[in-house]
Amino acid sequence: MPQTQCILLADDEPHILLALEYMSRTLDHVTVMTASDGPTAVKLAIENKPSLVLMDVMMPGIDGYTACATIRKAWAENDHQGNIWFITARSSNMDNEHAHSVGADRIVHKPFDPDKLLKMMQEHLASFQTTASIHRRESAR
């Protein structure tokens, strides 16, 4: 039986957060957490080590770039391999390069296609589940 995975959704726009949460709750074996600001997103990501974080770049308290770098550093210290995806209206090459330089795995541009995003999430979670199982087996040796 598949293990339950955790997704963290972080966006300060309530309608976007609600749409992401609604989509995410259609996925099997997934626990969904939400944050509406950067500090809360960082706290939840570090404490819960989700398989996937979908985060806006422009959030109050701590922007997504800083939040991503902080989460990556904490995860590296705990050998956690979750993904961080930015969901953003910013689409310049410089913004994309900055996102990747702080540790973003993927950039999803607003407005996004909900069906495509859901499919990408499903594929990531299936891949993460397989990778986590292999890692657990190797660690047990």
Protein backbone atom coordinates (compact mmCIF):
# COMPACT_ATOMS: atom_id res chain seq x y z
CA MET A 1 0.00 0.00 0.00
CA PRO A 2 1.39 3.44 -0.90
CA GLN A 3 2.63 5.58 1.95
CA THR A 4 0.90 8.90 2.59
CA GLN A 5 2.89 11.83 1.29
CA CYS A 6 2.71 15.45 2.31
CA ILE A 7 2.28 18.49 0.07
CA LEU A 8 2.78 22.06 1.26
CA LEU A 9 1.00 24.85 -0.62
CA ALA A 10 2.14 28.43 0.04
CA ASP A 11 0.55 31.48 -1.55
CA ASP A 12 -0.74 34.74 -0.12
CA GLU A 13 -3.58 34.97 -2.64
CA PRO A 14 -6.53 33.16 -1.00
CA HIS A 15 -8.22 32.17 -4.28
CA ILE A 16 -5.01 30.62 -5.66
CA LEU A 17 -4.35 28.80 -2.38
CA LEU A 18 -7.92 27.48 -2.33
CA ALA A 19 -7.68 26.28 -5.94
CA LEU A 20 -4.36 24.53 -5.27
CA GLU A 21 -5.73 22.95 -2.11
CA TYR A 22 -8.86 21.72 -3.87
CA MET A 23 -6.75 20.18 -6.68
CA SER A 24 -4.29 18.59 -4.26
CA ARG A 25 -7.02 16.98 -2.20
CA THR A 26 -8.07 14.95 -5.26
CA LEU A 27 -4.75 13.08 -5.08
CA ASP A 28 -4.67 9.71 -3.33
CA HIS A 29 -2.56 9.15 -0.22
CA VAL A 30 -1.71 12.83 0.21
CA THR A 31 -1.86 15.12 3.24
CA VAL A 32 -2.16 18.79 2.33
CA MET A 33 -0.83 21.70 4.40
CA THR A 34 -1.20 25.39 3.55
CA ALA A 35 0.61 28.61 4.38
CA SER A 36 -0.26 32.17 3.40
CA ASP A 37 3.13 33.73 4.18
CA GLY A 38 6.82 32.93 3.87
CA PRO A 39 7.69 32.35 7.56
CA THR A 40 4.84 29.85 7.98
CA ALA A 41 5.86 28.05 4.78
CA VAL A 42 9.46 27.73 6.00
CA LYS A 43 8.36 26.46 9.42
CA LEU A 44 5.99 23.85 7.98
CA ALA A 45 8.45 22.70 5.31
CA ILE A 46 11.26 22.21 7.81
CA GLU A 47 9.11 20.50 10.44
CA ASN A 48 7.10 18.24 8.12
CA LYS A 49 9.52 17.58 5.22
CA PRO A 50 6.87 17.39 2.49
CA SER A 51 7.43 15.50 -0.74
CA LEU A 52 6.41 18.61 -2.66
CA VAL A 53 6.21 22.33 -1.89
CA LEU A 54 4.31 24.59 -4.28
CA MET A 55 5.20 28.15 -3.36
CA ASP A 56 4.55 31.64 -4.65
CA VAL A 57 7.58 33.89 -5.12
CA MET A 58 5.98 37.07 -3.78
CA MET A 59 4.75 36.40 -0.25
CA PRO A 60 4.65 38.48 2.93
CA GLY A 61 7.27 38.07 5.64
CA ILE A 62 9.83 36.16 3.59
CA ASP A 63 9.80 36.02 -0.20
CA GLY A 64 9.77 32.69 -1.98
CA TYR A 65 13.43 32.91 -2.99
CA THR A 66 14.59 33.32 0.61
CA ALA A 67 12.12 30.71 1.83
CA CYS A 68 13.35 28.21 -0.77
CA ALA A 69 17.01 28.72 0.11
CA THR A 70 16.24 28.38 3.85
CA ILE A 71 14.21 25.19 3.32
CA ARG A 72 16.89 23.69 1.05
CA LYS A 73 19.59 24.31 3.66
CA ALA A 74 17.53 22.67 6.42
CA TRP A 75 16.58 19.72 4.22
CA ALA A 76 20.20 19.17 3.20
CA GLU A 77 21.16 18.89 6.86
CA ASN A 78 18.48 16.19 7.30
CA ASP A 79 19.05 14.38 3.98
CA HIS A 80 15.53 15.19 2.73
CA GLN A 81 15.00 15.21 -1.04
CA GLY A 82 11.62 16.94 -1.47
CA ASN A 83 10.88 19.16 -4.45
CA ILE A 84 10.14 22.87 -4.37
CA TRP A 85 8.16 24.33 -7.23
CA PHE A 86 7.53 28.02 -7.65
CA ILE A 87 4.10 29.08 -8.84
CA THR A 88 4.59 32.61 -10.05
CA ALA A 89 3.50 35.34 -12.41
CA ARG A 90 7.17 36.33 -12.80
CA SER A 91 8.56 34.89 -16.01
CA SER A 92 11.74 36.71 -17.00
CA ASN A 93 14.89 34.70 -17.64
CA MET A 94 16.51 36.46 -14.68
CA ASP A 95 13.63 35.42 -12.38
CA ASN A 96 13.84 31.84 -13.63
CA GLU A 97 17.63 31.72 -13.14
CA HIS A 98 17.28 33.16 -9.64
CA ALA A 99 14.61 30.57 -8.78
CA HIS A 100 16.86 27.71 -9.86
CA SER A 101 19.89 29.21 -8.11
CA VAL A 102 18.12 29.11 -4.72
CA GLY A 103 16.99 25.52 -5.23
CA ALA A 104 13.67 25.56 -7.06
CA ASP A 105 13.12 22.33 -8.97
CA ARG A 106 10.42 23.64 -11.28
CA ILE A 107 8.71 26.90 -12.16
CA VAL A 108 5.00 26.92 -12.96
CA HIS A 109 3.80 30.20 -14.43
CA LYS A 110 0.49 31.83 -13.54
CA PRO A 111 -2.02 31.47 -14.90
CA PHE A 112 -1.50 27.72 -14.85
CA ASP A 113 -3.51 24.93 -16.41
CA PRO A 114 -4.99 23.01 -13.45
CA ASP A 115 -5.11 19.71 -15.33
CA LYS A 116 -1.47 19.95 -16.43
CA LEU A 117 -0.35 20.96 -12.94
CA LEU A 118 -2.26 18.09 -11.36
CA LYS A 119 -0.68 15.63 -13.81
CA MET A 120 2.81 16.99 -13.02
CA MET A 121 2.08 16.65 -9.30
CA GLN A 122 0.89 13.05 -9.73
CA GLU A 123 4.01 12.15 -11.70
CA HIS A 124 6.28 13.76 -9.13
CA LEU A 125 4.59 12.04 -6.19
CA ALA A 126 4.79 8.64 -7.90
CA SER A 127 8.47 9.19 -8.63
CA PHE A 128 9.15 10.46 -5.10
CA GLN A 129 7.40 7.39 -3.63
CA THR A 130 9.61 5.07 -5.68
CA THR A 131 12.80 6.97 -4.83
CA ALA A 132 11.92 7.06 -1.11
CA SER A 133 11.31 3.29 -1.09
CA ILE A 134 14.69 2.63 -2.71
CA HIS A 135 16.42 5.00 -0.28
CA ARG A 136 14.78 3.26 2.73
CA ARG A 137 15.88 -0.17 1.48
CA GLU A 138 19.46 1.01 0.93
CA SER A 139 19.56 2.66 4.37
CA ALA A 140 18.39 -0.57 6.00
CA ARG A 141 21.38 -2.49 4.60
